[in-house]
PDB file of N, CA and C in Angstrom:
ATOM      1  N   MET A   1      16.238  28.069 -35.181  1.00  0.00           N
ATOM      2  CA  MET A   1      15.995  28.240 -33.610  1.00  0.00           C
ATOM      3  C   MET A   1      14.631  27.680 -33.555  1.00  0.00           C
ATOM      4  N   LYS A   2      14.499  26.901 -32.459  1.00  0.00           N
ATOM      5  CA  LYS A   2      13.169  26.266 -32.213  1.00  0.00           C
ATOM      6  C   LYS A   2      12.285  27.204 -31.566  1.00  0.00           C
ATOM      7  N   THR A   3      11.029  26.996 -32.086  1.00  0.00           N
ATOM      8  CA  THR A   3       9.756  27.829 -31.362  1.00  0.00           C
ATOM      9  C   THR A   3       9.763  27.524 -29.847  1.00  0.00           C
ATOM     10  N   PRO A   4       9.266  28.720 -28.948  1.00  0.00           N
ATOM     11  CA  PRO A   4       9.234  28.400 -27.534  1.00  0.00           C
ATOM     12  C   PRO A   4       8.161  27.166 -27.306  1.00  0.00           C
ATOM     13  N   ARG A   5       7.280  26.866 -28.016  1.00  0.00           N
ATOM     14  CA  ARG A   5       6.378  25.817 -27.857  1.00  0.00           C
ATOM     15  C   ARG A   5       7.331  24.377 -27.907  1.00  0.00           C
ATOM     16  N   THR A   6       8.039  24.081 -28.879  1.00  0.00           N
ATOM     17  CA  THR A   6       8.865  23.093 -29.292  1.00  0.00           C
ATOM     18  C   THR A   6       9.911  23.076 -28.159  1.00  0.00           C
ATOM     19  N   LEU A   7      10.447  24.165 -27.620  1.00  0.00           N
ATOM     20  CA  LEU A   7      11.447  24.109 -26.804  1.00  0.00           C
ATOM     21  C   LEU A   7      10.883  23.740 -25.276  1.00  0.00           C
ATOM     22  N   VAL A   8       9.671  24.022 -25.106  1.00  0.00           N
ATOM     23  CA  VAL A   8       9.037  23.707 -23.740  1.00  0.00           C
ATOM     24  C   VAL A   8       8.875  22.049 -23.750  1.00  0.00           C
ATOM     25  N   ILE A   9       8.420  21.839 -24.880  1.00  0.00           N
ATOM     26  CA  ILE A   9       8.103  20.050 -25.121  1.00  0.00           C
ATOM     27  C   ILE A   9       9.555  19.502 -24.674  1.00  0.00           C
ATOM     28  N   ALA A  10      10.709  20.030 -25.595  1.00  0.00           N
ATOM     29  CA  ALA A  10      11.866  19.319 -25.391  1.00  0.00           C
ATOM     30  C   ALA A  10      12.366  19.365 -24.036  1.00  0.00           C
ATOM     31  N   ALA A  11      12.135  20.494 -23.330  1.00  0.00           N
ATOM     32  CA  ALA A  11      12.787  20.629 -21.817  1.00  0.00           C
ATOM     33  C   ALA A  11      11.819  19.632 -20.959  1.00  0.00           C
ATOM     34  N   SER A  12      10.701  19.444 -21.227  1.00  0.00           N
ATOM     35  CA  SER A  12       9.682  18.323 -20.500  1.00  0.00           C
ATOM     36  C   SER A  12      10.195  17.121 -20.532  1.00  0.00           C
ATOM     37  N   ALA A  13      10.557  16.730 -21.724  1.00  0.00           N
ATOM     38  CA  ALA A  13      11.038  15.519 -22.083  1.00  0.00           C
ATOM     39  C   ALA A  13      12.300  15.164 -21.588  1.00  0.00           C
ATOM     40  N   ALA A  14      13.304  16.110 -21.531  1.00  0.00           N
ATOM     41  CA  ALA A  14      14.569  16.016 -20.974  1.00  0.00           C
ATOM     42  C   ALA A  14      14.480  15.934 -19.438  1.00  0.00           C
ATOM     43  N   CYS A  15      13.641  16.475 -18.818  1.00  0.00           N
ATOM     44  CA  CYS A  15      13.302  16.462 -17.356  1.00  0.00           C
ATOM     45  C   CYS A  15      12.941  14.843 -16.916  1.00  0.00           C
ATOM     46  N   ILE A  16      11.762  14.377 -17.675  1.00  0.00           N
ATOM     47  CA  ILE A  16      11.432  13.085 -17.467  1.00  0.00           C
ATOM     48  C   ILE A  16      12.381  12.083 -17.707  1.00  0.00           C
ATOM     49  N   VAL A  17      12.953  12.056 -18.619  1.00  0.00           N
ATOM     50  CA  VAL A  17      14.110  11.088 -18.939  1.00  0.00           C
ATOM     51  C   VAL A  17      15.167  11.202 -17.912  1.00  0.00           C
ATOM     52  N   GLY A  18      15.696  12.627 -17.784  1.00  0.00           N
ATOM     53  CA  GLY A  18      16.680  12.656 -16.750  1.00  0.00           C
ATOM     54  C   GLY A  18      16.247  12.021 -15.398  1.00  0.00           C
ATOM     55  N   ALA A  19      14.953  12.146 -14.996  1.00  0.00           N
ATOM     56  CA  ALA A  19      14.601  11.631 -13.773  1.00  0.00           C
ATOM     57  C   ALA A  19      14.774  10.268 -13.581  1.00  0.00           C
ATOM     58  N   CYS A  20      14.387   9.618 -14.830  1.00  0.00           N
ATOM     59  CA  CYS A  20      14.535   8.078 -14.889  1.00  0.00           C
ATOM     60  C   CYS A  20      16.117   7.754 -14.811  1.00  0.00           C
ATOM     61  N   ALA A  21      16.796   8.365 -15.478  1.00  0.00           N
ATOM     62  CA  ALA A  21      18.199   8.041 -15.575  1.00  0.00           C
ATOM     63  C   ALA A  21      18.990   8.158 -14.255  1.00  0.00           C
ATOM     64  N   THR A  22      18.396   9.262 -13.263  1.00  0.00           N
ATOM     65  CA  THR A  22      19.077   9.535 -12.057  1.00  0.00           C
ATOM     66  C   THR A  22      18.554   8.585 -11.061  1.00  0.00           C
ATOM     67  N   GLY A  23      17.826   7.719 -11.020  1.00  0.00           N
ATOM     68  CA  GLY A  23      17.423   6.765 -10.324  1.00  0.00           C
ATOM     69  C   GLY A  23      16.360   7.708  -9.164  1.00  0.00           C
ATOM     70  N   GLY A  24      15.483   8.514  -9.728  1.00  0.00           N
ATOM     71  CA  GLY A  24      14.460   9.078  -9.217  1.00  0.00           C
ATOM     72  C   GLY A  24      15.011  10.194  -8.418  1.00  0.00           C
ATOM     73  N   LYS A  25      16.103  10.740  -8.466  1.00  0.00           N
ATOM     74  CA  LYS A  25      16.399  12.132  -7.966  1.00  0.00           C
ATOM     75  C   LYS A  25      15.807  13.126  -8.777  1.00  0.00           C
ATOM     76  N   SER A  26      15.521  14.275  -7.937  1.00  0.00           N
ATOM     77  CA  SER A  26      15.007  15.539  -8.782  1.00  0.00           C
ATOM     78  C   SER A  26      15.877  15.990  -9.966  1.00  0.00           C
ATOM     79  N   VAL A  27      15.213  16.285 -11.111  1.00  0.00           N
ATOM     80  CA  VAL A  27      15.987  16.890 -12.135  1.00  0.00           C
ATOM     81  C   VAL A  27      15.317  18.168 -12.446  1.00  0.00           C
ATOM     82  N   VAL A  28      16.315  19.321 -12.666  1.00  0.00           N
ATOM     83  CA  VAL A  28      15.668  20.392 -13.200  1.00  0.00           C
ATOM     84  C   VAL A  28      16.156  20.753 -14.419  1.00  0.00           C
ATOM     85  N   ALA A  29      15.368  21.115 -15.446  1.00  0.00           N
ATOM     86  CA  ALA A  29      15.518  21.547 -16.637  1.00  0.00           C
ATOM     87  C   ALA A  29      15.801  22.778 -16.980  1.00  0.00           C
ATOM     88  N   THR A  30      16.740  23.467 -17.484  1.00  0.00           N
ATOM     89  CA  THR A  30      16.800  24.813 -17.739  1.00  0.00           C
ATOM     90  C   THR A  30      16.971  25.159 -19.146  1.00  0.00           C
ATOM     91  N   GLU A  31      16.695  26.254 -19.611  1.00  0.00           N
ATOM     92  CA  GLU A  31      16.909  26.652 -20.934  1.00  0.00           C
ATOM     93  C   GLU A  31      17.598  27.740 -21.092  1.00  0.00           C
ATOM     94  N   SER A  32      18.608  27.899 -22.033  1.00  0.00           N
ATOM     95  CA  SER A  32      19.581  28.990 -22.436  1.00  0.00           C
ATOM     96  C   SER A  32      19.231  29.869 -23.567  1.00  0.00           C
ATOM     97  N   THR A  33      18.840  30.953 -23.259  1.00  0.00           N
ATOM     98  CA  THR A  33      18.197  31.908 -24.291  1.00  0.00           C
ATOM     99  C   THR A  33      19.196  31.975 -25.352  1.00  0.00           C
ATOM    100  N   VAL A  34      20.453  31.873 -25.117  1.00  0.00           N
ATOM    101  CA  VAL A  34      21.567  32.099 -26.204  1.00  0.00           C
ATOM    102  C   VAL A  34      21.683  31.023 -27.193  1.00  0.00           C
ATOM    103  N   SER A  35      21.670  29.704 -26.749  1.00  0.00           N
ATOM    104  CA  SER A  35      21.886  28.547 -27.664  1.00  0.00           C
ATOM    105  C   SER A  35      20.718  27.817 -27.875  1.00  0.00           C
ATOM    106  N   GLY A  36      19.653  27.990 -27.069  1.00  0.00           N
ATOM    107  CA  GLY A  36      18.576  27.182 -27.089  1.00  0.00           C
ATOM    108  C   GLY A  36      18.893  25.565 -26.540  1.00  0.00           C
ATOM    109  N   THR A  37      19.789  25.329 -25.997  1.00  0.00           N
ATOM    110  CA  THR A  37      20.111  24.170 -25.291  1.00  0.00           C
ATOM    111  C   THR A  37      19.269  23.930 -24.204  1.00  0.00           C
ATOM    112  N   VAL A  38      19.082  22.782 -23.673  1.00  0.00           N
ATOM    113  CA  VAL A  38      18.448  22.303 -22.539  1.00  0.00           C
ATOM    114  C   VAL A  38      19.698  21.423 -21.721  1.00  0.00           C
ATOM    115  N   THR A  39      19.651  21.899 -20.386  1.00  0.00           N
ATOM    116  CA  THR A  39      20.707  21.309 -19.372  1.00  0.00           C
ATOM    117  C   THR A  39      20.041  20.704 -18.244  1.00  0.00           C
ATOM    118  N   GLN A  40      20.456  19.903 -17.650  1.00  0.00           N
ATOM    119  CA  GLN A  40      19.917  19.192 -16.426  1.00  0.00           C
ATOM    120  C   GLN A  40      20.748  19.477 -15.105  1.00  0.00           C
ATOM    121  N   THR A  41      20.317  19.649 -13.899  1.00  0.00           N
ATOM    122  CA  THR A  41      20.989  19.818 -12.781  1.00  0.00           C
ATOM    123  C   THR A  41      20.592  18.621 -12.027  1.00  0.00           C
ATOM    124  N   ILE A  42      21.286  17.872 -11.343  1.00  0.00           N
ATOM    125  CA  ILE A  42      20.734  16.758 -10.265  1.00  0.00           C
ATOM    126  C   ILE A  42      20.751  17.446  -9.043  1.00  0.00           C
ATOM    127  N   VAL A  43      19.537  17.157  -8.254  1.00  0.00           N
ATOM    128  CA  VAL A  43      19.708  17.812  -7.115  1.00  0.00           C
ATOM    129  C   VAL A  43      19.299  16.592  -6.127  1.00  0.00           C
ATOM    130  N   SER A  44      20.461  16.207  -5.232  1.00  0.00           N
ATOM    131  CA  SER A  44      20.122  15.049  -4.379  1.00  0.00           C
ATOM    132  C   SER A  44      19.905  15.458  -2.939  1.00  0.00           C
ATOM    133  N   SER A  45      19.095  14.713  -2.070  1.00  0.00           N
ATOM    134  CA  SER A  45      18.762  15.038  -0.685  1.00  0.00           C
ATOM    135  C   SER A  45      18.854  13.836   0.084  1.00  0.00           C
ATOM    136  N   PRO A  46      19.023  13.796   1.342  1.00  0.00           N
ATOM    137  CA  PRO A  46      19.089  12.712   2.223  1.00  0.00           C
ATOM    138  C   PRO A  46      17.847  11.881   2.281  1.00  0.00           C
ATOM    139  N   PRO A  47      17.669  10.723   2.281  1.00  0.00           N
ATOM    140  CA  PRO A  47      16.433   9.948   2.571  1.00  0.00           C
ATOM    141  C   PRO A  47      15.660  10.577   3.801  1.00  0.00           C
ATOM    142  N   THR A  48      14.363  10.568   3.560  1.00  0.00           N
ATOM    143  CA  THR A  48      13.511  11.361   4.586  1.00  0.00           C
ATOM    144  C   THR A  48      13.092  10.356   5.428  1.00  0.00           C
ATOM    145  N   ARG A  49      13.029   9.012   5.147  1.00  0.00           N
ATOM    146  CA  ARG A  49      12.571   7.944   6.046  1.00  0.00           C
ATOM    147  C   ARG A  49      13.837   7.243   6.511  1.00  0.00           C
ATOM    148  N   PRO A  50      13.802   6.948   7.867  1.00  0.00           N
ATOM    149  CA  PRO A  50      14.592   6.123   8.338  1.00  0.00           C
ATOM    150  C   PRO A  50      14.750   4.789   8.118  1.00  0.00           C
ATOM    151  N   HIS A  51      15.728   3.911   8.199  1.00  0.00           N
ATOM    152  CA  HIS A  51      15.997   2.507   8.092  1.00  0.00           C
ATOM    153  C   HIS A  51      14.911   1.868   8.855  1.00  0.00           C
ATOM    154  N   ASP A  52      14.392   0.711   8.063  1.00  0.00           N
ATOM    155  CA  ASP A  52      13.335  -0.066   8.753  1.00  0.00           C
ATOM    156  C   ASP A  52      14.092  -1.215   9.562  1.00  0.00           C
ATOM    157  N   LEU A  53      13.482  -1.784  10.593  1.00  0.00           N
ATOM    158  CA  LEU A  53      13.821  -2.797  11.284  1.00  0.00           C
ATOM    159  C   LEU A  53      12.643  -3.958  11.492  1.00  0.00           C
ATOM    160  N   VAL A  54      12.997  -4.970  11.882  1.00  0.00           N
ATOM    161  CA  VAL A  54      12.134  -5.958  12.225  1.00  0.00           C
ATOM    162  C   VAL A  54      11.918  -5.926  13.803  1.00  0.00           C
ATOM    163  N   MET A  55      10.743  -5.776  14.379  1.00  0.00           N
ATOM    164  CA  MET A  55      10.447  -5.581  15.754  1.00  0.00           C
ATOM    165  C   MET A  55      10.688  -7.169  16.467  1.00  0.00           C
ATOM    166  N   PRO A  56      11.715  -7.105  17.279  1.00  0.00           N
ATOM    167  CA  PRO A  56      12.101  -8.275  17.964  1.00  0.00           C
ATOM    168  C   PRO A  56      10.743  -8.455  19.104  1.00  0.00           C
ATOM    169  N   ASP A  57      11.070  -9.751  19.508  1.00  0.00           N
ATOM    170  CA  ASP A  57      10.034 -10.376  20.490  1.00  0.00           C
ATOM    171  C   ASP A  57      10.629  -9.932  22.090  1.00  0.00           C
ATOM    172  N   LEU A  58      10.316  -8.935  22.741  1.00  0.00           N
ATOM    173  CA  LEU A  58      10.848  -8.563  23.728  1.00  0.00           C
ATOM    174  C   LEU A  58      10.118  -9.163  25.224  1.00  0.00           C
ATOM    175  N   ARG A  59       9.096  -9.980  24.873  1.00  0.00           N
ATOM    176  CA  ARG A  59       8.321 -10.612  25.826  1.00  0.00           C
ATOM    177  C   ARG A  59       9.167 -11.518  26.705  1.00  0.00           C
ATOM    178  N   GLY A  60       8.940 -11.194  28.159  1.00  0.00           N
ATOM    179  CA  GLY A  60       9.921 -12.051  28.983  1.00  0.00           C
ATOM    180  C   GLY A  60      11.139 -11.361  29.407  1.00  0.00           C
ATOM    181  N   MET A  61      11.600 -10.322  28.661  1.00  0.00           N
ATOM    182  CA  MET A  61      12.713  -9.395  29.218  1.00  0.00           C
ATOM    183  C   MET A  61      12.221  -8.478  30.155  1.00  0.00           C
ATOM    184  N   TYR A  62      13.423  -7.787  30.717  1.00  0.00           N
ATOM    185  CA  TYR A  62      13.301  -6.648  31.660  1.00  0.00           C
ATOM    186  C   TYR A  62      13.396  -5.360  30.841  1.00  0.00           C
ATOM    187  N   TRP A  63      13.177  -4.313  31.253  1.00  0.00           N
ATOM    188  CA  TRP A  63      13.405  -2.974  30.696  1.00  0.00           C
ATOM    189  C   TRP A  63      14.879  -2.685  30.634  1.00  0.00           C
ATOM    190  N   THR A  64      15.638  -3.174  31.622  1.00  0.00           N
ATOM    191  CA  THR A  64      17.002  -3.102  31.603  1.00  0.00           C
ATOM    192  C   THR A  64      17.847  -3.837  30.333  1.00  0.00           C
ATOM    193  N   ASP A  65      17.192  -4.847  30.110  1.00  0.00           N
ATOM    194  CA  ASP A  65      17.544  -5.712  28.944  1.00  0.00           C
ATOM    195  C   ASP A  65      17.132  -5.301  27.465  1.00  0.00           C
ATOM    196  N   ALA A  66      15.999  -4.891  27.631  1.00  0.00           N
ATOM    197  CA  ALA A  66      15.056  -4.553  26.336  1.00  0.00           C
ATOM    198  C   ALA A  66      15.743  -3.277  25.634  1.00  0.00           C
ATOM    199  N   GLU A  67      15.900  -2.445  26.253  1.00  0.00           N
ATOM    200  CA  GLU A  67      16.457  -1.177  25.578  1.00  0.00           C
ATOM    201  C   GLU A  67      17.823  -1.229  24.978  1.00  0.00           C
ATOM    202  N   PRO A  68      18.754  -1.924  25.704  1.00  0.00           N
ATOM    203  CA  PRO A  68      20.250  -1.966  24.873  1.00  0.00           C
ATOM    204  C   PRO A  68      19.991  -2.963  23.777  1.00  0.00           C
ATOM    205  N   ALA A  69      19.148  -4.180  24.035  1.00  0.00           N
ATOM    206  CA  ALA A  69      18.961  -4.965  22.867  1.00  0.00           C
ATOM    207  C   ALA A  69      18.392  -4.164  21.484  1.00  0.00           C
ATOM    208  N   LEU A  70      17.435  -3.238  21.815  1.00  0.00           N
ATOM    209  CA  LEU A  70      16.875  -2.587  20.499  1.00  0.00           C
ATOM    210  C   LEU A  70      18.014  -1.491  20.125  1.00  0.00           C
ATOM    211  N   ARG A  71      18.794  -0.920  21.075  1.00  0.00           N
ATOM    212  CA  ARG A  71      19.733   0.111  20.532  1.00  0.00           C
ATOM    213  C   ARG A  71      20.789  -0.731  19.594  1.00  0.00           C
ATOM    214  N   THR A  72      20.974  -1.902  20.062  1.00  0.00           N
ATOM    215  CA  THR A  72      22.322  -2.622  19.532  1.00  0.00           C
ATOM    216  C   THR A  72      21.920  -2.901  17.723  1.00  0.00           C
ATOM    217  N   VAL A  73      20.485  -3.176  17.507  1.00  0.00           N
ATOM    218  CA  VAL A  73      19.935  -3.315  16.410  1.00  0.00           C
ATOM    219  C   VAL A  73      19.795  -2.145  15.427  1.00  0.00           C
ATOM    220  N   GLY A  74      20.081  -0.976  15.823  1.00  0.00           N
ATOM    221  CA  GLY A  74      20.085   0.380  15.347  1.00  0.00           C
ATOM    222  C   GLY A  74      18.692   1.243  15.626  1.00  0.00           C
ATOM    223  N   TRP A  75      17.863   0.743  16.625  1.00  0.00           N
ATOM    224  CA  TRP A  75      16.502   1.470  16.970  1.00  0.00           C
ATOM    225  C   TRP A  75      16.999   2.759  17.897  1.00  0.00           C
ATOM    226  N   THR A  76      16.458   3.877  17.365  1.00  0.00           N
ATOM    227  CA  THR A  76      16.826   5.112  18.172  1.00  0.00           C
ATOM    228  C   THR A  76      15.549   5.903  18.518  1.00  0.00           C
ATOM    229  N   GLY A  77      14.467   5.141  18.724  1.00  0.00           N
ATOM    230  CA  GLY A  77      13.139   5.744  19.121  1.00  0.00           C
ATOM    231  C   GLY A  77      12.904   6.039  20.681  1.00  0.00           C
ATOM    232  N   VAL A  78      11.669   5.962  21.201  1.00  0.00           N
ATOM    233  CA  VAL A  78      11.316   6.059  22.467  1.00  0.00           C
ATOM    234  C   VAL A  78      10.466   4.882  22.995  1.00  0.00           C
ATOM    235  N   LEU A  79      10.836   4.513  24.171  1.00  0.00           N
ATOM    236  CA  LEU A  79      10.145   3.360  24.802  1.00  0.00           C
ATOM    237  C   LEU A  79       8.918   4.115  25.617  1.00  0.00           C
ATOM    238  N   GLU A  80       7.708   3.553  25.606  1.00  0.00           N
ATOM    239  CA  GLU A  80       6.647   4.165  26.539  1.00  0.00           C
ATOM    240  C   GLU A  80       6.183   2.949  27.274  1.00  0.00           C
ATOM    241  N   LYS A  81       5.873   3.251  28.546  1.00  0.00           N
ATOM    242  CA  LYS A  81       5.280   2.297  29.366  1.00  0.00           C
ATOM    243  C   LYS A  81       3.802   2.434  29.597  1.00  0.00           C
ATOM    244  N   ALA A  82       3.066   1.216  29.184  1.00  0.00           N
ATOM    245  CA  ALA A  82       1.585   1.273  29.298  1.00  0.00           C
ATOM    246  C   ALA A  82       1.153   0.511  30.791  1.00  0.00           C
ATOM    247  N   PRO A  83      -0.049   0.617  31.149  1.00  0.00           N
ATOM    248  CA  PRO A  83      -0.201   0.198  32.307  1.00  0.00           C
ATOM    249  C   PRO A  83       0.064  -1.463  32.494  1.00  0.00           C
ATOM    250  N   ASP A  84       0.560  -1.550  33.608  1.00  0.00           N
ATOM    251  CA  ASP A  84       0.860  -2.999  34.039  1.00  0.00           C
ATOM    252  C   ASP A  84      -0.347  -4.025  33.845  1.00  0.00           C
ATOM    253  N   LEU A  85       0.219  -5.554  33.310  1.00  0.00           N
ATOM    254  CA  LEU A  85      -0.768  -6.524  33.127  1.00  0.00           C
ATOM    255  C   LEU A  85      -0.936  -7.255  34.344  1.00  0.00           C
ATOM    256  N   THR A  86      -2.287  -7.499  34.904  1.00  0.00           N
ATOM    257  CA  THR A  86      -2.343  -8.223  36.077  1.00  0.00           C
ATOM    258  C   THR A  86      -2.416  -9.883  35.952  1.00  0.00           C
ATOM    259  N   ASN A  87      -3.015 -10.351  35.050  1.00  0.00           N
ATOM    260  CA  ASN A  87      -3.189 -11.742  34.468  1.00  0.00           C
ATOM    261  C   ASN A  87      -2.393 -11.919  33.367  1.00  0.00           C
ATOM    262  N   SER A  88      -0.985 -12.399  33.566  1.00  0.00           N
ATOM    263  CA  SER A  88       0.073 -12.664  32.805  1.00  0.00           C
ATOM    264  C   SER A  88       0.908 -13.649  33.204  1.00  0.00           C
ATOM    265  N   PRO A  89       1.241 -14.491  32.220  1.00  0.00           N
ATOM    266  CA  PRO A  89       2.095 -15.849  32.512  1.00  0.00           C
ATOM    267  C   PRO A  89       3.473 -15.356  32.879  1.00  0.00           C
ATOM    268  N   TYR A  90       4.014 -14.090  32.613  1.00  0.00           N
ATOM    269  CA  TYR A  90       5.207 -13.465  32.945  1.00  0.00           C
ATOM    270  C   TYR A  90       5.523 -13.280  34.441  1.00  0.00           C
ATOM    271  N   ARG A  91       6.782 -13.268  34.844  1.00  0.00           N
ATOM    272  CA  ARG A  91       7.121 -12.760  36.292  1.00  0.00           C
ATOM    273  C   ARG A  91       6.765 -11.245  36.268  1.00  0.00           C
ATOM    274  N   PRO A  92       6.803 -11.028  37.715  1.00  0.00           N
ATOM    275  CA  PRO A  92       6.590  -9.340  37.818  1.00  0.00           C
ATOM    276  C   PRO A  92       7.831  -8.442  37.131  1.00  0.00           C
ATOM    277  N   ASN A  93       7.638  -7.502  36.535  1.00  0.00           N
ATOM    278  CA  ASN A  93       8.475  -6.515  36.011  1.00  0.00           C
ATOM    279  C   ASN A  93       8.937  -7.030  34.715  1.00  0.00           C
ATOM    280  N   GLN A  94       8.598  -8.308  34.028  1.00  0.00           N
ATOM    281  CA  GLN A  94       9.063  -8.721  32.639  1.00  0.00           C
ATOM    282  C   GLN A  94       7.951  -8.114  31.779  1.00  0.00           C
ATOM    283  N   ILE A  95       8.476  -7.841  30.385  1.00  0.00           N
ATOM    284  CA  ILE A  95       7.726  -7.418  29.446  1.00  0.00           C
ATOM    285  C   ILE A  95       6.746  -8.433  29.180  1.00  0.00           C
ATOM    286  N   ALA A  96       5.422  -8.262  29.304  1.00  0.00           N
ATOM    287  CA  ALA A  96       4.226  -9.153  29.096  1.00  0.00           C
ATOM    288  C   ALA A  96       3.590  -8.911  27.687  1.00  0.00           C
ATOM    289  N   ALA A  97       3.582  -7.590  27.142  1.00  0.00           N
ATOM    290  CA  ALA A  97       3.025  -7.077  25.961  1.00  0.00           C
ATOM    291  C   ALA A  97       3.794  -6.115  25.091  1.00  0.00           C
ATOM    292  N   GLN A  98       3.692  -6.062  23.877  1.00  0.00           N
ATOM    293  CA  GLN A  98       4.455  -5.043  23.223  1.00  0.00           C
ATOM    294  C   GLN A  98       3.708  -4.583  21.937  1.00  0.00           C
ATOM    295  N   VAL A  99       3.797  -3.271  21.671  1.00  0.00           N
ATOM    296  CA  VAL A  99       3.078  -2.746  20.393  1.00  0.00           C
ATOM    297  C   VAL A  99       4.460  -1.809  19.905  1.00  0.00           C
ATOM    298  N   PRO A 100       4.930  -2.141  18.554  1.00  0.00           N
ATOM    299  CA  PRO A 100       4.320  -2.921  17.729  1.00  0.00           C
ATOM    300  C   PRO A 100       4.539  -4.507  18.056  1.00  0.00           C
ATOM    301  N   ALA A 101       3.942  -5.375  17.501  1.00  0.00           N
ATOM    302  CA  ALA A 101       4.065  -6.738  17.692  1.00  0.00           C
ATOM    303  C   ALA A 101       5.507  -7.379  17.178  1.00  0.00           C
ATOM    304  N   PRO A 102       5.771  -8.465  17.773  1.00  0.00           N
ATOM    305  CA  PRO A 102       7.082  -9.016  17.320  1.00  0.00           C
ATOM    306  C   PRO A 102       6.795  -9.440  15.737  1.00  0.00           C
ATOM    307  N   GLY A 103       8.057  -9.136  14.872  1.00  0.00           N
ATOM    308  CA  GLY A 103       7.969  -9.777  13.615  1.00  0.00           C
ATOM    309  C   GLY A 103       7.658  -8.355  12.654  1.00  0.00           C
ATOM    310  N   GLN A 104       6.885  -7.139  13.070  1.00  0.00           N
ATOM    311  CA  GLN A 104       6.540  -6.174  12.306  1.00  0.00           C
ATOM    312  C   GLN A 104       7.668  -5.392  11.857  1.00  0.00           C
ATOM    313  N   VAL A 105       7.674  -4.961  10.879  1.00  0.00           N
ATOM    314  CA  VAL A 105       8.581  -3.983  10.308  1.00  0.00           C
ATOM    315  C   VAL A 105       8.263  -2.500  10.751  1.00  0.00           C
ATOM    316  N   ILE A 106       9.303  -2.041  11.465  1.00  0.00           N
ATOM    317  CA  ILE A 106       9.031  -0.684  11.846  1.00  0.00           C
ATOM    318  C   ILE A 106      10.396   0.302  11.619  1.00  0.00           C
ATOM    319  N   ALA A 107      10.015   1.499  11.629  1.00  0.00           N
ATOM    320  CA  ALA A 107      11.045   2.680  11.330  1.00  0.00           C
ATOM    321  C   ALA A 107      11.885   2.439  12.550  1.00  0.00           C
ATOM    322  N   SER A 108      13.061   2.833  12.236  1.00  0.00           N
ATOM    323  CA  SER A 108      14.299   2.614  13.275  1.00  0.00           C
ATOM    324  C   SER A 108      14.009   3.739  14.512  1.00  0.00           C
ATOM    325  N   ASP A 109      13.245   4.814  14.219  1.00  0.00           N
ATOM    326  CA  ASP A 109      12.823   5.766  15.124  1.00  0.00           C
ATOM    327  C   ASP A 109      11.411   5.547  15.771  1.00  0.00           C
ATOM    328  N   ALA A 110      10.794   4.512  15.701  1.00  0.00           N
ATOM    329  CA  ALA A 110       9.420   4.223  15.983  1.00  0.00           C
ATOM    330  C   ALA A 110       9.336   4.132  17.498  1.00  0.00           C
ATOM    331  N   MET A 111       8.272   4.770  18.103  1.00  0.00           N
ATOM    332  CA  MET A 111       7.849   4.545  19.663  1.00  0.00           C
ATOM    333  C   MET A 111       7.508   3.069  19.611  1.00  0.00           C
ATOM    334  N   ILE A 112       7.951   2.590  20.742  1.00  0.00           N
ATOM    335  CA  ILE A 112       7.436   1.080  21.184  1.00  0.00           C
ATOM    336  C   ILE A 112       7.024   1.269  22.600  1.00  0.00           C
ATOM    337  N   THR A 113       5.794   0.699  22.728  1.00  0.00           N
ATOM    338  CA  THR A 113       5.015   0.663  24.000  1.00  0.00           C
ATOM    339  C   THR A 113       4.982  -0.683  24.730  1.00  0.00           C
ATOM    340  N   LEU A 114       5.345  -0.591  25.847  1.00  0.00           N
ATOM    341  CA  LEU A 114       5.691  -1.925  26.727  1.00  0.00           C
ATOM    342  C   LEU A 114       4.869  -1.986  27.815  1.00  0.00           C
ATOM    343  N   GLN A 115       4.284  -3.290  28.113  1.00  0.00           N
ATOM    344  CA  GLN A 115       3.435  -3.471  29.109  1.00  0.00           C
ATOM    345  C   GLN A 115       4.211  -4.655  30.128  1.00  0.00           C
ATOM    346  N   PHE A 116       4.025  -4.456  31.262  1.00  0.00           N
ATOM    347  CA  PHE A 116       4.840  -5.282  32.175  1.00  0.00           C
ATOM    348  C   PHE A 116       4.030  -6.169  32.969  1.00  0.00           C
ATOM    349  N   ALA A 117       4.492  -7.297  33.553  1.00  0.00           N
ATOM    350  CA  ALA A 117       3.671  -8.197  34.321  1.00  0.00           C
ATOM    351  C   ALA A 117       3.740  -7.451  35.837  1.00  0.00           C
ATOM    352  N   ARG A 118       2.422  -7.759  36.411  1.00  0.00           N
ATOM    353  CA  ARG A 118       2.554  -7.205  37.863  1.00  0.00           C
ATOM    354  C   ARG A 118       2.530  -8.336  38.640  1.00  0.00           C
TER     355      ARG A 118
END
């Protein structure tokens, strides 16, 4: 029978190798006092980060067009309205500025801030 020190090293090695073989999922190594063998249990959990999206260019659109367009690509976040812009090349009530900027990668549940032309 292996000494406890050797068994702990074997359990640690099994845990590291097991984690690599499971694609990064958690691995728990346990010790059986009867046989001295090491077993592994794979514990999986859903991803904690939502899917990423590329922020579309919403400038020139109206609120009633922008929100459905975002929902169509899988966005589930909240739209926030910032103060209107007075010196803008856009027509009144068109989106004149946005945060995040077009082309940025955002989480599907990210908050989007819009400014409208006055």
